[in-house]
């Protein structure tokens, strides 16, 4: 009787028959303890050059307009980045089964020394949306040019010229301000400007600024436009050096064959 019950699948008894895994552990991937998940393995040419030390300045990447496809490149050059969640909003989509709600996160990052980034990510969970927005913000990091109001002395403290950014119906204008003025902006604008390293600035905005996403994007585009103006100190001609890909082409081809 006991044998019949065992063969029927209720007892299987002390023989150890069945689908047990013994001492091997459960789940896939466990037991491969020799790998370190935190080690960065670059997958792009630029990543290989950065990790090997061939490209040692972030400005070289911006100079040649090389697209950054790996967030670890920004972590390598800017280890002191600070991130701030600017807004989290629910968005809905009508499907055949009803409404599907997801969460949209706006995250800004900056080092307070002339670099700022903005990322937007939508996900079914808030934590995943924030994590994805941080990664996208790192890929969107841009340099911010800073200058002076009036007398040129000390460290740059404001935007060099009047700049404008727009997104949707929102228009944001940044105006240079005297030293000691502070940031004359909304709370969200102050956060983004301080992350970019701007200490004194007047702001002027128009449009539907209650749409926080468009307002933040317009301000981010205005900060990115600071390097789009040629002021007199940038008029002299400079000799353009070869790009990192052209300079290290032999090393890249050798590494690719290995």
C-alpha atoms as a PDB file:
ATOM      1  CA  UNK A   1       0.000   0.000   0.000  1.00  0.00           C
ATOM      2  CA  UNK A   2       2.850   2.332   0.877  1.00  0.00           C
ATOM      3  CA  UNK A   3       4.578   1.541  -2.408  1.00  0.00           C
ATOM      4  CA  UNK A   4       1.438   2.368  -4.347  1.00  0.00           C
ATOM      5  CA  UNK A   5       1.061   5.647  -2.516  1.00  0.00           C
ATOM      6  CA  UNK A   6       4.677   6.485  -3.162  1.00  0.00           C
ATOM      7  CA  UNK A   7       4.375   5.771  -6.866  1.00  0.00           C
ATOM      8  CA  UNK A   8       1.271   7.928  -7.004  1.00  0.00           C
ATOM      9  CA  UNK A   9       3.290  10.998  -6.095  1.00  0.00           C
ATOM     10  CA  UNK A  10       2.188  11.575  -2.489  1.00  0.00           C
ATOM     11  CA  UNK A  11       4.956   9.878  -0.560  1.00  0.00           C
ATOM     12  CA  UNK A  12       8.057   9.379  -2.731  1.00  0.00           C
ATOM     13  CA  UNK A  13       9.533   8.201   0.551  1.00  0.00           C
ATOM     14  CA  UNK A  14      13.104   8.234   1.670  1.00  0.00           C
ATOM     15  CA  UNK A  15      14.705   7.264  -1.629  1.00  0.00           C
ATOM     16  CA  UNK A  16      15.124  10.837  -2.803  1.00  0.00           C
ATOM     17  CA  UNK A  17      13.430  10.269  -6.137  1.00  0.00           C
ATOM     18  CA  UNK A  18      11.901  13.200  -7.913  1.00  0.00           C
ATOM     19  CA  UNK A  19      13.192  16.609  -9.114  1.00  0.00           C
ATOM     20  CA  UNK A  20      15.208  17.699  -6.119  1.00  0.00           C
ATOM     21  CA  UNK A  21      18.465  19.549  -6.802  1.00  0.00           C
ATOM     22  CA  UNK A  22      20.385  18.193  -3.850  1.00  0.00           C
ATOM     23  CA  UNK A  23      23.268  20.404  -2.703  1.00  0.00           C
ATOM     24  CA  UNK A  24      23.507  22.374  -5.931  1.00  0.00           C
ATOM     25  CA  UNK A  25      21.322  25.226  -4.698  1.00  0.00           C
ATOM     26  CA  UNK A  26      18.236  26.655  -6.299  1.00  0.00           C
ATOM     27  CA  UNK A  27      17.792  29.170  -9.047  1.00  0.00           C
ATOM     28  CA  UNK A  28      19.927  30.111 -12.023  1.00  0.00           C
ATOM     29  CA  UNK A  29      23.225  31.889 -11.597  1.00  0.00           C
ATOM     30  CA  UNK A  30      23.894  31.027  -7.986  1.00  0.00           C
ATOM     31  CA  UNK A  31      27.222  29.484  -7.298  1.00  0.00           C
ATOM     32  CA  UNK A  32      29.068  31.635  -9.856  1.00  0.00           C
ATOM     33  CA  UNK A  33      30.764  33.549  -7.121  1.00  0.00           C
ATOM     34  CA  UNK A  34      33.950  34.254  -9.030  1.00  0.00           C
ATOM     35  CA  UNK A  35      32.291  37.089 -11.006  1.00  0.00           C
ATOM     36  CA  UNK A  36      32.021  40.604  -9.648  1.00  0.00           C
ATOM     37  CA  UNK A  37      28.856  42.304 -10.882  1.00  0.00           C
ATOM     38  CA  UNK A  38      30.228  45.797 -10.186  1.00  0.00           C
ATOM     39  CA  UNK A  39      33.098  45.510 -12.654  1.00  0.00           C
ATOM     40  CA  UNK A  40      32.480  47.717 -15.691  1.00  0.00           C
ATOM     41  CA  UNK A  41      32.958  45.924 -19.000  1.00  0.00           C
ATOM     42  CA  UNK A  42      32.715  48.613 -21.724  1.00  0.00           C
ATOM     43  CA  UNK A  43      30.805  47.749 -24.873  1.00  0.00           C
ATOM     44  CA  UNK A  44      31.551  50.855 -26.986  1.00  0.00           C
ATOM     45  CA  UNK A  45      34.755  52.264 -28.454  1.00  0.00           C
ATOM     46  CA  UNK A  46      34.520  55.337 -26.257  1.00  0.00           C
ATOM     47  CA  UNK A  47      34.041  53.202 -23.161  1.00  0.00           C
ATOM     48  CA  UNK A  48      37.145  51.153 -23.976  1.00  0.00           C
ATOM     49  CA  UNK A  49      39.203  54.313 -24.480  1.00  0.00           C
ATOM     50  CA  UNK A  50      37.968  55.825 -21.206  1.00  0.00           C
ATOM     51  CA  UNK A  51      38.587  52.708 -19.124  1.00  0.00           C
ATOM     52  CA  UNK A  52      42.097  52.294 -20.532  1.00  0.00           C
ATOM     53  CA  UNK A  53      42.948  55.950 -19.848  1.00  0.00           C
ATOM     54  CA  UNK A  54      43.293  57.008 -23.488  1.00  0.00           C
ATOM     55  CA  UNK A  55      40.601  59.677 -22.957  1.00  0.00           C
ATOM     56  CA  UNK A  56      41.248  61.427 -19.660  1.00  0.00           C
ATOM     57  CA  UNK A  57      38.983  64.502 -19.915  1.00  0.00           C
ATOM     58  CA  UNK A  58      35.245  64.813 -20.324  1.00  0.00           C
ATOM     59  CA  UNK A  59      35.805  68.016 -22.332  1.00  0.00           C
ATOM     60  CA  UNK A  60      37.420  65.957 -25.123  1.00  0.00           C
ATOM     61  CA  UNK A  61      34.147  64.065 -25.529  1.00  0.00           C
ATOM     62  CA  UNK A  62      32.140  67.301 -25.695  1.00  0.00           C
ATOM     63  CA  UNK A  63      34.655  68.923 -28.060  1.00  0.00           C
ATOM     64  CA  UNK A  64      34.204  66.259 -30.728  1.00  0.00           C
ATOM     65  CA  UNK A  65      30.462  65.728 -30.022  1.00  0.00           C
ATOM     66  CA  UNK A  66      30.971  62.027 -29.332  1.00  0.00           C
ATOM     67  CA  UNK A  67      27.689  60.395 -28.222  1.00  0.00           C
ATOM     68  CA  UNK A  68      27.875  58.801 -24.775  1.00  0.00           C
ATOM     69  CA  UNK A  69      26.056  55.452 -24.676  1.00  0.00           C
ATOM     70  CA  UNK A  70      27.277  54.177 -21.294  1.00  0.00           C
ATOM     71  CA  UNK A  71      26.444  55.818 -17.972  1.00  0.00           C
ATOM     72  CA  UNK A  72      29.669  54.460 -16.442  1.00  0.00           C
ATOM     73  CA  UNK A  73      31.643  56.910 -18.594  1.00  0.00           C
ATOM     74  CA  UNK A  74      30.015  59.828 -16.754  1.00  0.00           C
ATOM     75  CA  UNK A  75      30.559  58.088 -13.395  1.00  0.00           C
ATOM     76  CA  UNK A  76      34.249  57.760 -14.285  1.00  0.00           C
ATOM     77  CA  UNK A  77      34.722  61.496 -14.940  1.00  0.00           C
ATOM     78  CA  UNK A  78      32.162  62.938 -12.483  1.00  0.00           C
ATOM     79  CA  UNK A  79      32.172  60.818  -9.306  1.00  0.00           C
ATOM     80  CA  UNK A  80      30.583  63.608  -7.225  1.00  0.00           C
ATOM     81  CA  UNK A  81      27.294  63.865  -9.126  1.00  0.00           C
ATOM     82  CA  UNK A  82      24.230  64.728  -7.048  1.00  0.00           C
ATOM     83  CA  UNK A  83      20.751  63.663  -8.175  1.00  0.00           C
ATOM     84  CA  UNK A  84      17.407  65.219  -7.340  1.00  0.00           C
ATOM     85  CA  UNK A  85      13.925  63.908  -8.158  1.00  0.00           C
ATOM     86  CA  UNK A  86      12.156  66.933  -9.630  1.00  0.00           C
ATOM     87  CA  UNK A  87       8.714  65.412 -10.198  1.00  0.00           C
ATOM     88  CA  UNK A  88       6.870  62.086 -10.184  1.00  0.00           C
ATOM     89  CA  UNK A  89       3.527  61.985 -11.955  1.00  0.00           C
ATOM     90  CA  UNK A  90       1.119  59.153 -12.811  1.00  0.00           C
ATOM     91  CA  UNK A  91       0.205  58.657 -16.450  1.00  0.00           C
ATOM     92  CA  UNK A  92      -2.572  56.435 -17.744  1.00  0.00           C
ATOM     93  CA  UNK A  93      -3.239  54.529 -20.918  1.00  0.00           C
ATOM     94  CA  UNK A  94      -6.595  53.142 -21.947  1.00  0.00           C
ATOM     95  CA  UNK A  95      -6.395  49.487 -22.909  1.00  0.00           C
ATOM     96  CA  UNK A  96      -8.975  46.795 -23.648  1.00  0.00           C
ATOM     97  CA  UNK A  97      -8.708  45.566 -20.036  1.00  0.00           C
ATOM     98  CA  UNK A  98      -9.188  49.034 -18.577  1.00  0.00           C
ATOM     99  CA  UNK A  99      -6.747  51.751 -17.572  1.00  0.00           C
ATOM    100  CA  UNK A 100      -3.054  51.019 -17.153  1.00  0.00           C
ATOM    101  CA  UNK A 101      -1.310  53.385 -14.732  1.00  0.00           C
ATOM    102  CA  UNK A 102       2.419  54.016 -14.883  1.00  0.00           C
ATOM    103  CA  UNK A 103       4.686  56.543 -13.202  1.00  0.00           C
ATOM    104  CA  UNK A 104       6.790  59.173 -14.942  1.00  0.00           C
ATOM    105  CA  UNK A 105       9.884  60.465 -13.132  1.00  0.00           C
ATOM    106  CA  UNK A 106      11.916  63.598 -13.866  1.00  0.00           C
ATOM    107  CA  UNK A 107      15.411  63.467 -12.349  1.00  0.00           C
ATOM    108  CA  UNK A 108      18.117  66.144 -12.556  1.00  0.00           C
ATOM    109  CA  UNK A 109      21.799  65.520 -11.807  1.00  0.00           C
ATOM    110  CA  UNK A 110      24.744  67.899 -11.514  1.00  0.00           C
ATOM    111  CA  UNK A 111      28.094  68.389  -9.844  1.00  0.00           C
ATOM    112  CA  UNK A 112      27.805  72.119  -9.122  1.00  0.00           C
ATOM    113  CA  UNK A 113      30.857  72.755 -11.325  1.00  0.00           C
ATOM    114  CA  UNK A 114      29.383  73.287 -14.757  1.00  0.00           C
ATOM    115  CA  UNK A 115      27.787  69.937 -15.623  1.00  0.00           C
ATOM    116  CA  UNK A 116      24.081  69.173 -15.518  1.00  0.00           C
ATOM    117  CA  UNK A 117      21.808  66.460 -16.902  1.00  0.00           C
ATOM    118  CA  UNK A 118      18.094  65.731 -17.066  1.00  0.00           C
ATOM    119  CA  UNK A 119      16.403  62.355 -17.468  1.00  0.00           C
ATOM    120  CA  UNK A 120      12.783  61.313 -17.936  1.00  0.00           C
ATOM    121  CA  UNK A 121      11.619  57.717 -17.523  1.00  0.00           C
ATOM    122  CA  UNK A 122       8.228  56.014 -17.353  1.00  0.00           C
ATOM    123  CA  UNK A 123       7.741  52.692 -15.559  1.00  0.00           C
ATOM    124  CA  UNK A 124       5.107  50.665 -13.763  1.00  0.00           C
ATOM    125  CA  UNK A 125       6.965  51.150 -10.453  1.00  0.00           C
ATOM    126  CA  UNK A 126       8.260  54.381  -8.959  1.00  0.00           C
ATOM    127  CA  UNK A 127      11.655  52.926  -7.994  1.00  0.00           C
ATOM    128  CA  UNK A 128      12.295  51.621 -11.511  1.00  0.00           C
ATOM    129  CA  UNK A 129      11.255  54.950 -13.020  1.00  0.00           C
ATOM    130  CA  UNK A 130      13.672  56.883 -10.788  1.00  0.00           C
ATOM    131  CA  UNK A 131      16.510  54.436 -11.443  1.00  0.00           C
ATOM    132  CA  UNK A 132      15.997  54.617 -15.197  1.00  0.00           C
ATOM    133  CA  UNK A 133      15.718  58.417 -15.138  1.00  0.00           C
ATOM    134  CA  UNK A 134      19.064  58.683 -13.325  1.00  0.00           C
ATOM    135  CA  UNK A 135      20.740  56.560 -16.008  1.00  0.00           C
ATOM    136  CA  UNK A 136      19.182  58.629 -18.807  1.00  0.00           C
ATOM    137  CA  UNK A 137      20.206  61.857 -17.047  1.00  0.00           C
ATOM    138  CA  UNK A 138      23.821  60.684 -16.999  1.00  0.00           C
ATOM    139  CA  UNK A 139      23.687  60.046 -20.737  1.00  0.00           C
ATOM    140  CA  UNK A 140      22.281  63.574 -21.247  1.00  0.00           C
ATOM    141  CA  UNK A 141      24.933  65.453 -19.259  1.00  0.00           C
ATOM    142  CA  UNK A 142      25.886  68.741 -20.951  1.00  0.00           C
ATOM    143  CA  UNK A 143      28.517  71.377 -20.087  1.00  0.00           C
ATOM    144  CA  UNK A 144      27.277  74.724 -18.761  1.00  0.00           C
ATOM    145  CA  UNK A 145      29.297  77.816 -19.575  1.00  0.00           C
ATOM    146  CA  UNK A 146      29.508  80.354 -16.774  1.00  0.00           C
ATOM    147  CA  UNK A 147      30.646  83.959 -16.868  1.00  0.00           C
ATOM    148  CA  UNK A 148      30.592  87.327 -15.106  1.00  0.00           C
ATOM    149  CA  UNK A 149      28.332  90.311 -14.700  1.00  0.00           C
ATOM    150  CA  UNK A 150      30.415  93.471 -15.027  1.00  0.00           C
ATOM    151  CA  UNK A 151      33.862  93.189 -13.491  1.00  0.00           C
ATOM    152  CA  UNK A 152      35.806  90.041 -14.366  1.00  0.00           C
ATOM    153  CA  UNK A 153      37.281  88.943 -11.042  1.00  0.00           C
ATOM    154  CA  UNK A 154      37.141  85.799  -8.988  1.00  0.00           C
ATOM    155  CA  UNK A 155      35.376  82.652 -10.116  1.00  0.00           C
ATOM    156  CA  UNK A 156      32.562  82.730 -12.722  1.00  0.00           C
ATOM    157  CA  UNK A 157      29.236  83.112 -10.952  1.00  0.00           C
ATOM    158  CA  UNK A 158      26.467  83.660 -13.521  1.00  0.00           C
ATOM    159  CA  UNK A 159      25.486  82.879 -17.109  1.00  0.00           C
ATOM    160  CA  UNK A 160      27.711  84.680 -19.654  1.00  0.00           C
ATOM    161  CA  UNK A 161      24.884  86.011 -21.867  1.00  0.00           C
ATOM    162  CA  UNK A 162      21.105  86.057 -21.993  1.00  0.00           C
ATOM    163  CA  UNK A 163      19.950  82.618 -23.110  1.00  0.00           C
ATOM    164  CA  UNK A 164      16.525  81.174 -23.847  1.00  0.00           C
ATOM    165  CA  UNK A 165      15.155  77.652 -23.807  1.00  0.00           C
ATOM    166  CA  UNK A 166      11.754  76.419 -24.867  1.00  0.00           C
ATOM    167  CA  UNK A 167       9.668  73.284 -24.549  1.00  0.00           C
ATOM    168  CA  UNK A 168       5.995  73.115 -25.425  1.00  0.00           C
ATOM    169  CA  UNK A 169       4.405  76.452 -24.576  1.00  0.00           C
ATOM    170  CA  UNK A 170       7.022  77.271 -21.907  1.00  0.00           C
ATOM    171  CA  UNK A 171       9.766  79.807 -22.603  1.00  0.00           C
ATOM    172  CA  UNK A 172      12.501  80.333 -19.997  1.00  0.00           C
ATOM    173  CA  UNK A 173      15.039  83.160 -20.235  1.00  0.00           C
ATOM    174  CA  UNK A 174      18.198  83.327 -18.112  1.00  0.00           C
ATOM    175  CA  UNK A 175      19.647  86.798 -17.515  1.00  0.00           C
ATOM    176  CA  UNK A 176      23.081  87.514 -15.962  1.00  0.00           C
ATOM    177  CA  UNK A 177      22.922  89.017 -12.470  1.00  0.00           C
ATOM    178  CA  UNK A 178      25.443  90.878 -10.250  1.00  0.00           C
ATOM    179  CA  UNK A 179      27.439  88.935  -7.709  1.00  0.00           C
ATOM    180  CA  UNK A 180      25.452  88.441  -4.508  1.00  0.00           C
ATOM    181  CA  UNK A 181      22.035  88.560  -6.150  1.00  0.00           C
ATOM    182  CA  UNK A 182      21.344  84.858  -5.745  1.00  0.00           C
ATOM    183  CA  UNK A 183      18.973  82.798  -7.857  1.00  0.00           C
ATOM    184  CA  UNK A 184      15.785  84.686  -8.675  1.00  0.00           C
ATOM    185  CA  UNK A 185      13.773  81.679  -9.821  1.00  0.00           C
ATOM    186  CA  UNK A 186      11.104  79.198  -8.801  1.00  0.00           C
ATOM    187  CA  UNK A 187      12.025  76.388  -6.342  1.00  0.00           C
ATOM    188  CA  UNK A 188      12.482  73.894  -9.191  1.00  0.00           C
ATOM    189  CA  UNK A 189      14.558  76.412 -11.166  1.00  0.00           C
ATOM    190  CA  UNK A 190      16.789  77.082  -8.174  1.00  0.00           C
ATOM    191  CA  UNK A 191      17.552  73.370  -7.805  1.00  0.00           C
ATOM    192  CA  UNK A 192      18.538  72.981 -11.452  1.00  0.00           C
ATOM    193  CA  UNK A 193      20.614  76.183 -11.558  1.00  0.00           C
ATOM    194  CA  UNK A 194      22.483  75.323  -8.355  1.00  0.00           C
ATOM    195  CA  UNK A 195      23.294  71.856  -9.728  1.00  0.00           C
ATOM    196  CA  UNK A 196      24.762  73.537 -12.804  1.00  0.00           C
ATOM    197  CA  UNK A 197      27.012  75.728 -10.613  1.00  0.00           C
ATOM    198  CA  UNK A 198      25.254  79.038 -11.296  1.00  0.00           C
ATOM    199  CA  UNK A 199      25.207  81.239  -8.172  1.00  0.00           C
ATOM    200  CA  UNK A 200      23.552  84.451  -9.429  1.00  0.00           C
ATOM    201  CA  UNK A 201      20.902  84.641 -12.129  1.00  0.00           C
ATOM    202  CA  UNK A 202      17.630  86.341 -13.041  1.00  0.00           C
ATOM    203  CA  UNK A 203      14.968  84.207 -14.734  1.00  0.00           C
ATOM    204  CA  UNK A 204      11.961  85.121 -16.822  1.00  0.00           C
ATOM    205  CA  UNK A 205       9.371  82.591 -17.943  1.00  0.00           C
ATOM    206  CA  UNK A 206       6.177  82.605 -19.952  1.00  0.00           C
ATOM    207  CA  UNK A 207       3.673  80.017 -21.041  1.00  0.00           C
ATOM    208  CA  UNK A 208       2.024  77.287 -19.002  1.00  0.00           C
ATOM    209  CA  UNK A 209       4.804  76.933 -16.421  1.00  0.00           C
ATOM    210  CA  UNK A 210       2.577  74.809 -14.179  1.00  0.00           C
ATOM    211  CA  UNK A 211       3.470  71.933 -16.508  1.00  0.00           C
ATOM    212  CA  UNK A 212       6.543  71.078 -14.471  1.00  0.00           C
ATOM    213  CA  UNK A 213       8.013  68.692 -17.040  1.00  0.00           C
ATOM    214  CA  UNK A 214       8.080  71.276 -19.834  1.00  0.00           C
ATOM    215  CA  UNK A 215       9.351  73.979 -17.476  1.00  0.00           C
ATOM    216  CA  UNK A 216      12.295  71.840 -16.324  1.00  0.00           C
ATOM    217  CA  UNK A 217      13.117  70.849 -19.907  1.00  0.00           C
ATOM    218  CA  UNK A 218      13.023  74.470 -21.099  1.00  0.00           C
ATOM    219  CA  UNK A 219      15.401  75.487 -18.293  1.00  0.00           C
ATOM    220  CA  UNK A 220      17.713  72.577 -19.126  1.00  0.00           C
ATOM    221  CA  UNK A 221      17.776  73.560 -22.820  1.00  0.00           C
ATOM    222  CA  UNK A 222      18.568  77.160 -21.839  1.00  0.00           C
ATOM    223  CA  UNK A 223      21.557  76.003 -19.777  1.00  0.00           C
ATOM    224  CA  UNK A 224      22.737  73.855 -22.694  1.00  0.00           C
ATOM    225  CA  UNK A 225      22.570  76.875 -25.011  1.00  0.00           C
ATOM    226  CA  UNK A 226      25.227  78.774 -23.021  1.00  0.00           C
ATOM    227  CA  UNK A 227      27.954  77.211 -25.210  1.00  0.00           C
ATOM    228  CA  UNK A 228      26.063  78.137 -28.384  1.00  0.00           C
ATOM    229  CA  UNK A 229      27.093  81.811 -28.319  1.00  0.00           C
ATOM    230  CA  UNK A 230      30.467  83.053 -29.562  1.00  0.00           C
ATOM    231  CA  UNK A 231      31.592  85.860 -27.276  1.00  0.00           C
ATOM    232  CA  UNK A 232      34.767  87.841 -28.147  1.00  0.00           C
ATOM    233  CA  UNK A 233      37.082  85.632 -26.090  1.00  0.00           C
ATOM    234  CA  UNK A 234      36.115  82.690 -28.316  1.00  0.00           C
ATOM    235  CA  UNK A 235      36.806  84.470 -31.612  1.00  0.00           C
ATOM    236  CA  UNK A 236      40.470  83.369 -32.093  1.00  0.00           C
ATOM    237  CA  UNK A 237      40.977  80.321 -34.278  1.00  0.00           C
ATOM    238  CA  UNK A 238      42.211  77.181 -32.576  1.00  0.00           C
ATOM    239  CA  UNK A 239      43.904  74.243 -34.224  1.00  0.00           C
ATOM    240  CA  UNK A 240      41.534  71.293 -34.159  1.00  0.00           C
ATOM    241  CA  UNK A 241      43.236  68.131 -32.950  1.00  0.00           C
ATOM    242  CA  UNK A 242      42.304  64.655 -34.240  1.00  0.00           C
ATOM    243  CA  UNK A 243      39.404  62.952 -32.497  1.00  0.00           C
ATOM    244  CA  UNK A 244      40.131  60.194 -29.946  1.00  0.00           C
ATOM    245  CA  UNK A 245      38.882  57.555 -32.390  1.00  0.00           C
ATOM    246  CA  UNK A 246      41.283  58.780 -35.068  1.00  0.00           C
ATOM    247  CA  UNK A 247      44.192  59.182 -32.668  1.00  0.00           C
ATOM    248  CA  UNK A 248      43.878  55.691 -31.156  1.00  0.00           C
ATOM    249  CA  UNK A 249      42.599  53.808 -34.198  1.00  0.00           C
ATOM    250  CA  UNK A 250      45.480  51.289 -34.121  1.00  0.00           C
ATOM    251  CA  UNK A 251      44.878  50.484 -30.460  1.00  0.00           C
ATOM    252  CA  UNK A 252      41.136  50.068 -31.047  1.00  0.00           C
ATOM    253  CA  UNK A 253      41.651  47.679 -33.972  1.00  0.00           C
ATOM    254  CA  UNK A 254      44.143  45.642 -31.931  1.00  0.00           C
ATOM    255  CA  UNK A 255      41.749  45.454 -28.963  1.00  0.00           C
ATOM    256  CA  UNK A 256      38.880  44.446 -31.227  1.00  0.00           C
ATOM    257  CA  UNK A 257      40.768  41.413 -32.520  1.00  0.00           C
ATOM    258  CA  UNK A 258      41.503  40.066 -29.048  1.00  0.00           C
END
